[in-house]
């Protein structure tokens, strides 16, 4: 029963306007070569920074500046803005859903009625 309810919840979330907007924003990112280039640069630099910090090193100023500049350019681009707004809206939706699930679990834990 829980599996069925989880699938139904997933289906409903997939049909939510917030999720549909995220899917469109993701497609817009895939279609924007410049946004893709920026995302690849951000990902590459993030991996390099993680590796350096794992070795107890700090990124040099030039790489840090490149990261900040590329991230800023991505955030200001139409595709980047659309994606970030859509992602934030889905995150808000999921926070609300998770809170409602937690509330339901709490109610279920104290209820003497077992429903199947």
C-alpha atoms as a PDB file:
ATOM      1  CA  UNK A   1       0.000   0.000   0.000  1.00  0.00           C
ATOM      2  CA  UNK A   2       2.780   2.442   0.849  1.00  0.00           C
ATOM      3  CA  UNK A   3       4.449   1.735  -2.500  1.00  0.00           C
ATOM      4  CA  UNK A   4       1.212   2.507  -4.331  1.00  0.00           C
ATOM      5  CA  UNK A   5       0.720   5.758  -2.425  1.00  0.00           C
ATOM      6  CA  UNK A   6       4.350   6.756  -3.074  1.00  0.00           C
ATOM      7  CA  UNK A   7       3.935   6.108  -6.810  1.00  0.00           C
ATOM      8  CA  UNK A   8       0.740   8.148  -6.841  1.00  0.00           C
ATOM      9  CA  UNK A   9       2.449  10.998  -4.982  1.00  0.00           C
ATOM     10  CA  UNK A  10       5.321  10.874  -7.443  1.00  0.00           C
ATOM     11  CA  UNK A  11       2.904  10.989 -10.372  1.00  0.00           C
ATOM     12  CA  UNK A  12       1.118  13.996  -8.876  1.00  0.00           C
ATOM     13  CA  UNK A  13       4.404  15.808  -8.231  1.00  0.00           C
ATOM     14  CA  UNK A  14       5.448  15.082 -11.813  1.00  0.00           C
ATOM     15  CA  UNK A  15       2.253  16.779 -13.008  1.00  0.00           C
ATOM     16  CA  UNK A  16       2.669  19.805 -10.715  1.00  0.00           C
ATOM     17  CA  UNK A  17       3.229  23.128 -12.501  1.00  0.00           C
ATOM     18  CA  UNK A  18       6.451  23.649 -10.527  1.00  0.00           C
ATOM     19  CA  UNK A  19       7.911  20.366 -11.749  1.00  0.00           C
ATOM     20  CA  UNK A  20       6.761  20.944 -15.310  1.00  0.00           C
ATOM     21  CA  UNK A  21       8.444  24.384 -15.250  1.00  0.00           C
ATOM     22  CA  UNK A  22      11.662  22.738 -14.051  1.00  0.00           C
ATOM     23  CA  UNK A  23      11.557  20.257 -16.927  1.00  0.00           C
ATOM     24  CA  UNK A  24      11.154  23.134 -19.398  1.00  0.00           C
ATOM     25  CA  UNK A  25      14.011  25.044 -17.744  1.00  0.00           C
ATOM     26  CA  UNK A  26      16.246  21.971 -17.930  1.00  0.00           C
ATOM     27  CA  UNK A  27      15.480  21.645 -21.637  1.00  0.00           C
ATOM     28  CA  UNK A  28      16.259  25.333 -22.153  1.00  0.00           C
ATOM     29  CA  UNK A  29      19.636  24.749 -20.472  1.00  0.00           C
ATOM     30  CA  UNK A  30      20.354  21.775 -22.739  1.00  0.00           C
ATOM     31  CA  UNK A  31      19.473  23.907 -25.761  1.00  0.00           C
ATOM     32  CA  UNK A  32      21.730  26.820 -24.695  1.00  0.00           C
ATOM     33  CA  UNK A  33      25.330  26.098 -25.686  1.00  0.00           C
ATOM     34  CA  UNK A  34      26.719  28.997 -23.674  1.00  0.00           C
ATOM     35  CA  UNK A  35      24.886  27.892 -20.536  1.00  0.00           C
ATOM     36  CA  UNK A  36      26.220  24.369 -21.065  1.00  0.00           C
ATOM     37  CA  UNK A  37      29.766  25.694 -21.382  1.00  0.00           C
ATOM     38  CA  UNK A  38      29.385  27.645 -18.154  1.00  0.00           C
ATOM     39  CA  UNK A  39      27.964  24.638 -16.307  1.00  0.00           C
ATOM     40  CA  UNK A  40      30.832  22.459 -17.528  1.00  0.00           C
ATOM     41  CA  UNK A  41      33.349  25.057 -16.316  1.00  0.00           C
ATOM     42  CA  UNK A  42      31.611  25.323 -12.934  1.00  0.00           C
ATOM     43  CA  UNK A  43      31.556  21.521 -12.579  1.00  0.00           C
ATOM     44  CA  UNK A  44      35.208  21.169 -13.587  1.00  0.00           C
ATOM     45  CA  UNK A  45      36.342  23.860 -11.171  1.00  0.00           C
ATOM     46  CA  UNK A  46      34.214  22.418  -8.369  1.00  0.00           C
ATOM     47  CA  UNK A  47      35.852  19.014  -8.868  1.00  0.00           C
ATOM     48  CA  UNK A  48      39.305  20.624  -8.892  1.00  0.00           C
ATOM     49  CA  UNK A  49      38.530  22.602  -5.717  1.00  0.00           C
ATOM     50  CA  UNK A  50      37.231  19.486  -3.960  1.00  0.00           C
ATOM     51  CA  UNK A  51      40.356  17.570  -4.916  1.00  0.00           C
ATOM     52  CA  UNK A  52      42.640  20.409  -3.792  1.00  0.00           C
ATOM     53  CA  UNK A  53      40.845  20.817  -0.471  1.00  0.00           C
ATOM     54  CA  UNK A  54      41.040  17.053   0.058  1.00  0.00           C
ATOM     55  CA  UNK A  55      44.809  17.463  -0.203  1.00  0.00           C
ATOM     56  CA  UNK A  56      44.808  20.384   2.201  1.00  0.00           C
ATOM     57  CA  UNK A  57      45.377  22.985  -0.530  1.00  0.00           C
ATOM     58  CA  UNK A  58      43.441  26.105  -1.438  1.00  0.00           C
ATOM     59  CA  UNK A  59      42.500  27.092  -4.989  1.00  0.00           C
ATOM     60  CA  UNK A  60      44.613  29.841  -6.483  1.00  0.00           C
ATOM     61  CA  UNK A  61      43.124  33.282  -6.934  1.00  0.00           C
ATOM     62  CA  UNK A  62      42.825  32.979 -10.718  1.00  0.00           C
ATOM     63  CA  UNK A  63      40.748  29.781 -10.516  1.00  0.00           C
ATOM     64  CA  UNK A  64      38.598  31.199  -7.719  1.00  0.00           C
ATOM     65  CA  UNK A  65      37.971  34.304  -9.845  1.00  0.00           C
ATOM     66  CA  UNK A  66      37.152  32.159 -12.895  1.00  0.00           C
ATOM     67  CA  UNK A  67      34.658  30.164 -10.821  1.00  0.00           C
ATOM     68  CA  UNK A  68      32.979  33.252  -9.383  1.00  0.00           C
ATOM     69  CA  UNK A  69      32.808  34.992 -12.749  1.00  0.00           C
ATOM     70  CA  UNK A  70      31.414  31.936 -14.540  1.00  0.00           C
ATOM     71  CA  UNK A  71      28.856  31.313 -11.804  1.00  0.00           C
ATOM     72  CA  UNK A  72      27.767  34.958 -11.899  1.00  0.00           C
ATOM     73  CA  UNK A  73      27.439  34.856 -15.707  1.00  0.00           C
ATOM     74  CA  UNK A  74      25.374  31.668 -15.448  1.00  0.00           C
ATOM     75  CA  UNK A  75      23.093  33.154 -12.789  1.00  0.00           C
ATOM     76  CA  UNK A  76      22.491  36.246 -14.939  1.00  0.00           C
ATOM     77  CA  UNK A  77      21.816  34.380 -18.180  1.00  0.00           C
ATOM     78  CA  UNK A  78      18.156  33.859 -19.138  1.00  0.00           C
ATOM     79  CA  UNK A  79      18.539  30.067 -19.149  1.00  0.00           C
ATOM     80  CA  UNK A  80      20.386  30.127 -15.834  1.00  0.00           C
ATOM     81  CA  UNK A  81      17.841  32.385 -14.186  1.00  0.00           C
ATOM     82  CA  UNK A  82      14.964  30.286 -15.472  1.00  0.00           C
ATOM     83  CA  UNK A  83      16.568  27.135 -14.154  1.00  0.00           C
ATOM     84  CA  UNK A  84      17.447  28.583 -10.744  1.00  0.00           C
ATOM     85  CA  UNK A  85      13.938  29.954 -10.208  1.00  0.00           C
ATOM     86  CA  UNK A  86      12.312  26.694 -11.329  1.00  0.00           C
ATOM     87  CA  UNK A  87      14.680  24.645  -9.126  1.00  0.00           C
ATOM     88  CA  UNK A  88      13.912  26.858  -6.117  1.00  0.00           C
ATOM     89  CA  UNK A  89      10.170  26.442  -6.699  1.00  0.00           C
ATOM     90  CA  UNK A  90      10.462  22.648  -6.875  1.00  0.00           C
ATOM     91  CA  UNK A  91      12.619  22.690  -3.728  1.00  0.00           C
ATOM     92  CA  UNK A  92       9.889  24.672  -1.940  1.00  0.00           C
ATOM     93  CA  UNK A  93       7.253  22.223  -3.159  1.00  0.00           C
ATOM     94  CA  UNK A  94       9.288  19.242  -1.965  1.00  0.00           C
ATOM     95  CA  UNK A  95       9.938  20.871   1.415  1.00  0.00           C
ATOM     96  CA  UNK A  96       6.191  21.312   1.838  1.00  0.00           C
ATOM     97  CA  UNK A  97       5.495  17.727   0.720  1.00  0.00           C
ATOM     98  CA  UNK A  98       8.143  16.346   3.079  1.00  0.00           C
ATOM     99  CA  UNK A  99       6.726  18.369   5.957  1.00  0.00           C
ATOM    100  CA  UNK A 100       3.232  17.078   5.249  1.00  0.00           C
ATOM    101  CA  UNK A 101       4.548  13.499   5.117  1.00  0.00           C
ATOM    102  CA  UNK A 102       6.311  14.024   8.454  1.00  0.00           C
ATOM    103  CA  UNK A 103       3.093  15.439   9.938  1.00  0.00           C
ATOM    104  CA  UNK A 104       1.157  12.436   8.653  1.00  0.00           C
ATOM    105  CA  UNK A 105       3.739  10.055  10.105  1.00  0.00           C
ATOM    106  CA  UNK A 106       3.486  11.775  13.472  1.00  0.00           C
ATOM    107  CA  UNK A 107      -0.301  11.492  13.436  1.00  0.00           C
ATOM    108  CA  UNK A 108      -0.078   7.865  12.362  1.00  0.00           C
ATOM    109  CA  UNK A 109       2.338   7.052  15.169  1.00  0.00           C
ATOM    110  CA  UNK A 110      -0.045   8.274  17.870  1.00  0.00           C
ATOM    111  CA  UNK A 111      -3.267   6.988  16.299  1.00  0.00           C
ATOM    112  CA  UNK A 112      -4.708   3.775  17.652  1.00  0.00           C
ATOM    113  CA  UNK A 113      -6.530   3.142  14.390  1.00  0.00           C
ATOM    114  CA  UNK A 114      -4.785   0.949  11.841  1.00  0.00           C
ATOM    115  CA  UNK A 115      -5.919   1.586   8.278  1.00  0.00           C
ATOM    116  CA  UNK A 116      -4.912  -0.412   5.240  1.00  0.00           C
END
